[in-house]
Amino acid sequence: MEDIELLDAPQLHESAHEFRRPDVFRFAITKPTKKIHMIMDLAPMLYLRQHFPMTCPFLQDSPEEGRYELQIKVGNYLAPAGLTRLFPNQIHAVGDPGFRLYIKRGQNSMERQRVGVRIFRVVIRPIPTTQSISAHYPAKG
């Protein structure tokens, strides 16, 4: 971008535009209404601080040693539920039954979508020579 020209003209449908303040997980909604309460180990807490810095003021030490708590209202359960899948044994959802149900439904749907692992057998064969090719494919004539 080389140049910006500021136009001081009103926008079409300007009255319909509104600013929606994002929640700590960057979901822009009118007002955060869903409560989450998570207890986590050090790794998820550090992940939250790095990838979602707006959660920092809400992270607190838990009464359990080496654990941390996050209690906050959010606009969507998607990001916090994704964290519970990313760190399955290190984050525990407590409190709001709606959040726990959302996580449980997500885990059940992931189990239904899980695809079995296929194991392929690799066979290494020697590169065919002119003699072996002519033995398999005789010349027509």
N, C-alpha and C. Protein backbone atom coordinates (compact mmCIF):
# COMPACT_ATOMS: atom_id res chain seq x y z
N MET A 1 0.86 -1.16 0.00
CA MET A 1 0.00 0.00 0.00
C MET A 1 0.91 1.23 0.00
N GLU A 2 0.68 2.08 -0.93
CA GLU A 2 1.53 3.27 -1.05
C GLU A 2 0.89 4.52 -0.50
N ASP A 3 -0.41 4.67 -0.71
CA ASP A 3 -1.03 5.93 -0.36
C ASP A 3 -2.45 5.68 0.13
N ILE A 4 -2.86 6.47 1.07
CA ILE A 4 -4.22 6.39 1.60
C ILE A 4 -4.87 7.75 1.44
N GLU A 5 -6.07 7.73 0.91
CA GLU A 5 -6.81 8.97 0.75
C GLU A 5 -8.00 8.92 1.70
N LEU A 6 -8.08 9.87 2.60
CA LEU A 6 -9.16 9.92 3.56
C LEU A 6 -10.32 10.69 2.96
N LEU A 7 -11.45 10.03 2.84
CA LEU A 7 -12.64 10.67 2.30
C LEU A 7 -13.53 11.08 3.47
N ASP A 8 -13.86 12.31 3.52
CA ASP A 8 -14.69 12.82 4.62
C ASP A 8 -16.16 12.84 4.20
N ALA A 9 -16.59 11.72 3.62
CA ALA A 9 -17.98 11.61 3.17
C ALA A 9 -18.70 10.57 4.04
N PRO A 10 -19.95 10.80 4.31
CA PRO A 10 -20.68 9.81 5.12
C PRO A 10 -20.84 8.48 4.36
N GLN A 11 -20.84 7.40 5.13
CA GLN A 11 -21.02 6.08 4.53
C GLN A 11 -22.50 5.81 4.29
N LEU A 12 -22.71 4.96 3.33
CA LEU A 12 -24.06 4.50 3.08
C LEU A 12 -24.45 3.55 4.23
N HIS A 13 -25.60 3.67 4.77
CA HIS A 13 -26.08 2.86 5.90
C HIS A 13 -25.19 3.03 7.14
N GLU A 14 -24.68 4.20 7.36
CA GLU A 14 -23.78 4.45 8.49
C GLU A 14 -24.47 4.19 9.83
N SER A 15 -25.76 4.44 9.89
CA SER A 15 -26.47 4.24 11.15
C SER A 15 -26.55 2.76 11.54
N ALA A 16 -26.43 1.86 10.56
CA ALA A 16 -26.51 0.43 10.86
C ALA A 16 -25.18 -0.13 11.36
N HIS A 17 -24.09 0.62 11.19
CA HIS A 17 -22.78 0.15 11.64
C HIS A 17 -22.65 0.35 13.14
N GLU A 18 -22.10 -0.65 13.80
CA GLU A 18 -21.89 -0.52 15.24
C GLU A 18 -20.59 -1.23 15.61
N PHE A 19 -19.98 -0.74 16.65
CA PHE A 19 -18.76 -1.37 17.14
C PHE A 19 -19.14 -2.38 18.20
N ARG A 20 -18.65 -3.59 18.03
CA ARG A 20 -18.88 -4.64 19.02
C ARG A 20 -17.56 -4.98 19.66
N ARG A 21 -17.47 -4.75 20.93
CA ARG A 21 -16.23 -5.02 21.66
C ARG A 21 -16.03 -6.53 21.78
N PRO A 22 -14.86 -7.04 21.39
CA PRO A 22 -14.64 -8.48 21.46
C PRO A 22 -14.43 -8.94 22.90
N ASP A 23 -14.76 -10.21 23.15
CA ASP A 23 -14.47 -10.78 24.46
C ASP A 23 -13.00 -11.18 24.51
N VAL A 24 -12.57 -11.83 25.57
CA VAL A 24 -11.15 -12.14 25.75
C VAL A 24 -10.64 -13.14 24.71
N PHE A 25 -11.55 -13.89 24.06
CA PHE A 25 -11.15 -14.83 23.02
C PHE A 25 -11.39 -14.26 21.63
N ARG A 26 -11.61 -12.96 21.54
CA ARG A 26 -11.74 -12.19 20.31
C ARG A 26 -13.02 -12.48 19.52
N PHE A 27 -14.08 -12.89 20.19
CA PHE A 27 -15.37 -13.03 19.53
C PHE A 27 -16.12 -11.71 19.71
N ALA A 28 -16.46 -11.06 18.62
CA ALA A 28 -17.17 -9.78 18.68
C ALA A 28 -18.66 -10.04 18.77
N ILE A 29 -19.20 -9.82 19.92
CA ILE A 29 -20.62 -10.03 20.16
C ILE A 29 -21.17 -8.81 20.90
N THR A 30 -22.46 -8.73 21.02
CA THR A 30 -23.03 -7.54 21.66
C THR A 30 -22.66 -7.47 23.14
N LYS A 31 -22.78 -8.58 23.86
CA LYS A 31 -22.44 -8.57 25.28
C LYS A 31 -22.10 -10.00 25.71
N PRO A 32 -20.95 -10.21 26.33
CA PRO A 32 -20.63 -11.57 26.81
C PRO A 32 -21.62 -12.02 27.87
N THR A 33 -22.23 -13.16 27.66
CA THR A 33 -23.26 -13.64 28.59
C THR A 33 -23.00 -15.04 29.13
N LYS A 34 -22.07 -15.77 28.53
CA LYS A 34 -21.83 -17.16 28.94
C LYS A 34 -20.68 -17.22 29.92
N LYS A 35 -20.91 -17.87 31.06
CA LYS A 35 -19.87 -17.95 32.09
C LYS A 35 -19.03 -19.20 31.88
N ILE A 36 -17.72 -19.05 32.06
CA ILE A 36 -16.84 -20.21 32.07
C ILE A 36 -16.00 -20.16 33.34
N HIS A 37 -15.66 -21.33 33.83
CA HIS A 37 -14.77 -21.46 34.98
C HIS A 37 -13.92 -22.68 34.71
N MET A 38 -12.62 -22.47 34.53
CA MET A 38 -11.71 -23.56 34.22
C MET A 38 -10.57 -23.57 35.23
N ILE A 39 -10.17 -24.77 35.62
CA ILE A 39 -8.98 -24.95 36.46
C ILE A 39 -7.96 -25.66 35.59
N MET A 40 -6.74 -25.15 35.55
CA MET A 40 -5.75 -25.66 34.59
C MET A 40 -4.35 -25.75 35.19
N ASP A 41 -3.50 -26.51 34.51
CA ASP A 41 -2.10 -26.62 34.87
C ASP A 41 -1.32 -25.45 34.28
N LEU A 42 -0.02 -25.51 34.42
CA LEU A 42 0.85 -24.42 33.96
C LEU A 42 0.85 -24.26 32.44
N ALA A 43 0.93 -25.36 31.69
CA ALA A 43 1.04 -25.28 30.22
C ALA A 43 -0.16 -24.57 29.59
N PRO A 44 -1.40 -24.94 29.93
CA PRO A 44 -2.53 -24.20 29.34
C PRO A 44 -2.57 -22.74 29.78
N MET A 45 -2.15 -22.47 31.01
CA MET A 45 -2.15 -21.08 31.47
C MET A 45 -1.17 -20.25 30.63
N LEU A 46 0.01 -20.80 30.38
CA LEU A 46 1.00 -20.10 29.56
C LEU A 46 0.50 -19.94 28.12
N TYR A 47 -0.18 -20.96 27.61
CA TYR A 47 -0.76 -20.88 26.27
C TYR A 47 -1.78 -19.75 26.20
N LEU A 48 -2.65 -19.66 27.21
CA LEU A 48 -3.64 -18.58 27.25
C LEU A 48 -2.96 -17.21 27.28
N ARG A 49 -1.95 -17.08 28.11
CA ARG A 49 -1.26 -15.79 28.23
C ARG A 49 -0.61 -15.38 26.92
N GLN A 50 -0.09 -16.36 26.18
CA GLN A 50 0.58 -16.04 24.92
C GLN A 50 -0.40 -15.78 23.78
N HIS A 51 -1.41 -16.64 23.63
CA HIS A 51 -2.30 -16.54 22.48
C HIS A 51 -3.55 -15.70 22.73
N PHE A 52 -3.94 -15.54 23.97
CA PHE A 52 -5.10 -14.73 24.32
C PHE A 52 -4.72 -13.80 25.47
N PRO A 53 -3.93 -12.76 25.20
CA PRO A 53 -3.41 -11.91 26.28
C PRO A 53 -4.49 -11.16 27.07
N MET A 54 -5.67 -11.03 26.51
CA MET A 54 -6.74 -10.34 27.26
C MET A 54 -7.25 -11.19 28.43
N THR A 55 -6.84 -12.46 28.50
CA THR A 55 -7.23 -13.30 29.64
C THR A 55 -6.33 -13.09 30.86
N CYS A 56 -5.18 -12.45 30.67
CA CYS A 56 -4.20 -12.30 31.77
C CYS A 56 -4.79 -11.72 33.06
N PRO A 57 -5.58 -10.65 32.99
CA PRO A 57 -6.10 -10.11 34.25
C PRO A 57 -7.07 -11.06 34.97
N PHE A 58 -7.60 -12.05 34.27
CA PHE A 58 -8.58 -12.95 34.85
C PHE A 58 -7.99 -14.28 35.32
N LEU A 59 -6.71 -14.52 35.02
CA LEU A 59 -6.05 -15.74 35.47
C LEU A 59 -5.61 -15.57 36.92
N GLN A 60 -5.98 -16.52 37.76
CA GLN A 60 -5.65 -16.44 39.18
C GLN A 60 -5.05 -17.76 39.64
N ASP A 61 -4.28 -17.70 40.72
CA ASP A 61 -3.78 -18.93 41.34
C ASP A 61 -4.93 -19.68 41.96
N SER A 62 -4.92 -20.99 41.79
CA SER A 62 -5.94 -21.85 42.37
C SER A 62 -5.50 -22.25 43.78
N PRO A 63 -6.44 -22.62 44.65
CA PRO A 63 -6.03 -23.13 45.97
C PRO A 63 -5.16 -24.38 45.86
N GLU A 64 -5.34 -25.16 44.79
CA GLU A 64 -4.48 -26.32 44.57
C GLU A 64 -3.12 -25.84 44.08
N GLU A 65 -2.07 -26.39 44.60
CA GLU A 65 -0.73 -25.93 44.24
C GLU A 65 -0.41 -26.27 42.78
N GLY A 66 0.14 -25.31 42.06
CA GLY A 66 0.52 -25.51 40.67
C GLY A 66 -0.63 -25.47 39.69
N ARG A 67 -1.78 -24.99 40.12
CA ARG A 67 -2.96 -24.91 39.26
C ARG A 67 -3.43 -23.46 39.19
N TYR A 68 -4.15 -23.14 38.13
CA TYR A 68 -4.61 -21.78 37.89
C TYR A 68 -6.09 -21.82 37.51
N GLU A 69 -6.77 -20.70 37.76
CA GLU A 69 -8.20 -20.61 37.47
C GLU A 69 -8.48 -19.47 36.51
N LEU A 70 -9.49 -19.69 35.68
CA LEU A 70 -9.99 -18.64 34.80
C LEU A 70 -11.51 -18.62 34.96
N GLN A 71 -12.03 -17.50 35.46
CA GLN A 71 -13.47 -17.30 35.59
C GLN A 71 -13.80 -16.02 34.86
N ILE A 72 -14.66 -16.14 33.85
CA ILE A 72 -14.97 -14.97 33.03
C ILE A 72 -16.24 -15.21 32.23
N LYS A 73 -16.86 -14.15 31.77
CA LYS A 73 -17.98 -14.25 30.85
C LYS A 73 -17.45 -14.12 29.43
N VAL A 74 -17.95 -14.96 28.54
CA VAL A 74 -17.53 -14.94 27.14
C VAL A 74 -18.76 -14.89 26.25
N GLY A 75 -18.53 -14.62 24.99
CA GLY A 75 -19.62 -14.57 24.03
C GLY A 75 -19.90 -15.90 23.37
N ASN A 76 -18.90 -16.77 23.35
CA ASN A 76 -19.04 -18.04 22.65
C ASN A 76 -18.18 -19.08 23.36
N TYR A 77 -18.68 -20.29 23.49
CA TYR A 77 -17.94 -21.36 24.15
C TYR A 77 -16.88 -22.00 23.23
N LEU A 78 -16.84 -21.63 21.98
CA LEU A 78 -15.99 -22.32 21.01
C LEU A 78 -14.51 -22.31 21.38
N ALA A 79 -13.93 -21.16 21.66
CA ALA A 79 -12.50 -21.09 21.97
C ALA A 79 -12.14 -21.77 23.29
N PRO A 80 -12.86 -21.52 24.39
CA PRO A 80 -12.49 -22.22 25.62
C PRO A 80 -12.69 -23.73 25.52
N ALA A 81 -13.71 -24.18 24.79
CA ALA A 81 -13.90 -25.62 24.61
C ALA A 81 -12.76 -26.20 23.77
N GLY A 82 -12.29 -25.43 22.81
CA GLY A 82 -11.14 -25.87 22.01
C GLY A 82 -9.90 -26.04 22.87
N LEU A 83 -9.74 -25.20 23.86
CA LEU A 83 -8.61 -25.34 24.78
C LEU A 83 -8.69 -26.63 25.57
N THR A 84 -9.90 -27.02 25.96
CA THR A 84 -10.04 -28.27 26.71
C THR A 84 -9.71 -29.47 25.84
N ARG A 85 -9.90 -29.34 24.51
CA ARG A 85 -9.51 -30.43 23.61
C ARG A 85 -8.01 -30.41 23.35
N LEU A 86 -7.43 -29.23 23.35
CA LEU A 86 -5.99 -29.10 23.11
C LEU A 86 -5.19 -29.62 24.31
N PHE A 87 -5.69 -29.39 25.50
CA PHE A 87 -5.05 -29.86 26.74
C PHE A 87 -6.05 -30.72 27.51
N PRO A 88 -6.34 -31.94 27.03
CA PRO A 88 -7.45 -32.71 27.59
C PRO A 88 -7.30 -33.10 29.06
N ASN A 89 -6.11 -33.38 29.52
CA ASN A 89 -5.93 -33.81 30.91
C ASN A 89 -5.42 -32.70 31.81
N GLN A 90 -5.29 -31.49 31.27
CA GLN A 90 -4.71 -30.40 32.04
C GLN A 90 -5.70 -29.28 32.32
N ILE A 91 -6.87 -29.30 31.68
CA ILE A 91 -7.90 -28.28 31.93
C ILE A 91 -9.17 -29.00 32.36
N HIS A 92 -9.77 -28.52 33.44
CA HIS A 92 -11.03 -29.08 33.91
C HIS A 92 -12.06 -27.97 34.00
N ALA A 93 -13.18 -28.17 33.33
CA ALA A 93 -14.27 -27.20 33.39
C ALA A 93 -15.09 -27.46 34.64
N VAL A 94 -15.31 -26.43 35.42
CA VAL A 94 -16.14 -26.53 36.62
C VAL A 94 -17.17 -25.42 36.55
N GLY A 95 -18.14 -25.48 37.41
CA GLY A 95 -19.10 -24.39 37.47
C GLY A 95 -20.25 -24.56 36.50
N ASP A 96 -20.32 -23.68 35.50
CA ASP A 96 -21.46 -23.57 34.59
C ASP A 96 -21.76 -24.90 33.88
N PRO A 97 -22.95 -25.47 34.12
CA PRO A 97 -23.30 -26.73 33.46
C PRO A 97 -23.43 -26.59 31.94
N GLY A 98 -23.79 -25.42 31.46
CA GLY A 98 -23.90 -25.22 30.01
C GLY A 98 -22.55 -25.38 29.32
N PHE A 99 -21.51 -24.88 29.94
CA PHE A 99 -20.16 -25.00 29.38
C PHE A 99 -19.70 -26.45 29.40
N ARG A 100 -19.94 -27.14 30.50
CA ARG A 100 -19.54 -28.56 30.60
C ARG A 100 -20.30 -29.41 29.58
N LEU A 101 -21.58 -29.11 29.37
CA LEU A 101 -22.37 -29.84 28.39
C LEU A 101 -21.85 -29.58 26.98
N TYR A 102 -21.49 -28.33 26.70
CA TYR A 102 -20.94 -27.97 25.39
C TYR A 102 -19.66 -28.76 25.12
N ILE A 103 -18.80 -28.88 26.12
CA ILE A 103 -17.55 -29.63 25.97
C ILE A 103 -17.85 -31.11 25.75
N LYS A 104 -18.78 -31.65 26.51
CA LYS A 104 -19.12 -33.07 26.38
C LYS A 104 -19.69 -33.37 25.00
N ARG A 105 -20.57 -32.52 24.51
CA ARG A 105 -21.13 -32.71 23.16
C ARG A 105 -20.04 -32.65 22.10
N GLY A 106 -19.10 -31.73 22.26
CA GLY A 106 -18.00 -31.61 21.31
C GLY A 106 -17.12 -32.85 21.31
N GLN A 107 -16.85 -33.40 22.48
CA GLN A 107 -16.03 -34.61 22.56
C GLN A 107 -16.75 -35.79 21.95
N ASN A 108 -18.06 -35.90 22.17
CA ASN A 108 -18.82 -37.00 21.58
C ASN A 108 -18.84 -36.90 20.06
N SER A 109 -19.01 -35.69 19.52
CA SER A 109 -19.04 -35.55 18.06
C SER A 109 -17.66 -35.82 17.48
N MET A 110 -16.61 -35.46 18.20
CA MET A 110 -15.26 -35.75 17.70
C MET A 110 -15.01 -37.25 17.69
N GLU A 111 -15.52 -37.97 18.68
CA GLU A 111 -15.34 -39.42 18.71
C GLU A 111 -16.08 -40.08 17.55
N ARG A 112 -17.25 -39.55 17.20
CA ARG A 112 -17.99 -40.12 16.07
C ARG A 112 -17.29 -39.85 14.75
N GLN A 113 -16.59 -38.70 14.65
CA GLN A 113 -15.92 -38.34 13.41
C GLN A 113 -14.52 -38.92 13.30
N ARG A 114 -14.02 -39.49 14.37
CA ARG A 114 -12.66 -39.99 14.36
C ARG A 114 -12.50 -41.08 13.31
N VAL A 115 -11.46 -40.98 12.52
CA VAL A 115 -11.20 -41.94 11.45
C VAL A 115 -10.11 -42.87 11.92
N GLY A 116 -10.27 -44.15 11.64
CA GLY A 116 -9.26 -45.13 12.03
C GLY A 116 -7.94 -44.88 11.31
N VAL A 117 -6.87 -45.27 11.94
CA VAL A 117 -5.55 -45.09 11.36
C VAL A 117 -5.30 -46.21 10.37
N ARG A 118 -4.84 -45.87 9.19
CA ARG A 118 -4.51 -46.88 8.19
C ARG A 118 -3.01 -47.09 8.20
N ILE A 119 -2.63 -48.33 8.15
CA ILE A 119 -1.21 -48.65 8.09
C ILE A 119 -0.91 -49.17 6.69
N PHE A 120 0.03 -48.55 6.04
CA PHE A 120 0.40 -48.93 4.69
C PHE A 120 1.68 -49.75 4.73
N ARG A 121 1.74 -50.74 3.87
CA ARG A 121 2.94 -51.55 3.75
C ARG A 121 3.72 -51.04 2.57
N VAL A 122 4.96 -50.71 2.80
CA VAL A 122 5.82 -50.21 1.74
C VAL A 122 6.71 -51.35 1.28
N VAL A 123 6.68 -51.63 -0.02
CA VAL A 123 7.51 -52.68 -0.60
C VAL A 123 8.49 -52.02 -1.55
N ILE A 124 9.74 -52.27 -1.30
CA ILE A 124 10.78 -51.70 -2.17
C ILE A 124 11.22 -52.80 -3.13
N ARG A 125 11.07 -52.54 -4.42
CA ARG A 125 11.47 -53.50 -5.45
C ARG A 125 12.61 -52.89 -6.26
N PRO A 126 13.45 -53.75 -6.81
CA PRO A 126 14.54 -53.22 -7.64
C PRO A 126 13.99 -52.60 -8.92
N ILE A 127 14.72 -51.63 -9.40
CA ILE A 127 14.33 -50.97 -10.64
C ILE A 127 14.47 -51.98 -11.78
N PRO A 128 13.44 -52.12 -12.63
CA PRO A 128 13.53 -53.11 -13.71
C PRO A 128 14.59 -52.73 -14.74
N THR A 129 15.29 -53.72 -15.20
CA THR A 129 16.29 -53.51 -16.25
C THR A 129 15.66 -53.83 -17.59
N THR A 130 16.40 -53.60 -18.65
CA THR A 130 15.89 -53.85 -19.99
C THR A 130 15.56 -55.33 -20.17
N GLN A 131 16.37 -56.20 -19.59
CA GLN A 131 16.12 -57.64 -19.74
C GLN A 131 14.85 -58.05 -19.03
N SER A 132 14.65 -57.54 -17.79
CA SER A 132 13.45 -57.96 -17.06
C SER A 132 12.20 -57.38 -17.71
N ILE A 133 12.29 -56.19 -18.28
CA ILE A 133 11.13 -55.60 -18.96
C ILE A 133 10.78 -56.43 -20.19
N SER A 134 11.82 -56.83 -20.97
CA SER A 134 11.54 -57.60 -22.19
C SER A 134 11.02 -58.99 -21.84
N ALA A 135 11.35 -59.53 -20.67
CA ALA A 135 10.84 -60.83 -20.28
C ALA A 135 9.36 -60.74 -19.96
N HIS A 136 8.90 -59.62 -19.37
CA HIS A 136 7.51 -59.46 -19.01
C HIS A 136 6.66 -58.97 -20.18
N TYR A 137 7.28 -58.17 -21.03
CA TYR A 137 6.55 -57.60 -22.16
C TYR A 137 7.30 -57.94 -23.45
N PRO A 138 7.07 -59.10 -24.01
CA PRO A 138 7.80 -59.49 -25.23
C PRO A 138 7.44 -58.57 -26.39
N ALA A 139 8.40 -58.36 -27.24
CA ALA A 139 8.21 -57.49 -28.41
C ALA A 139 7.23 -58.13 -29.37
N LYS A 140 6.37 -57.32 -29.93
CA LYS A 140 5.39 -57.82 -30.89
C LYS A 140 6.04 -57.77 -32.28
N GLY A 141 5.80 -58.76 -33.04
CA GLY A 141 6.40 -58.61 -34.31
C GLY A 141 6.29 -59.68 -35.21
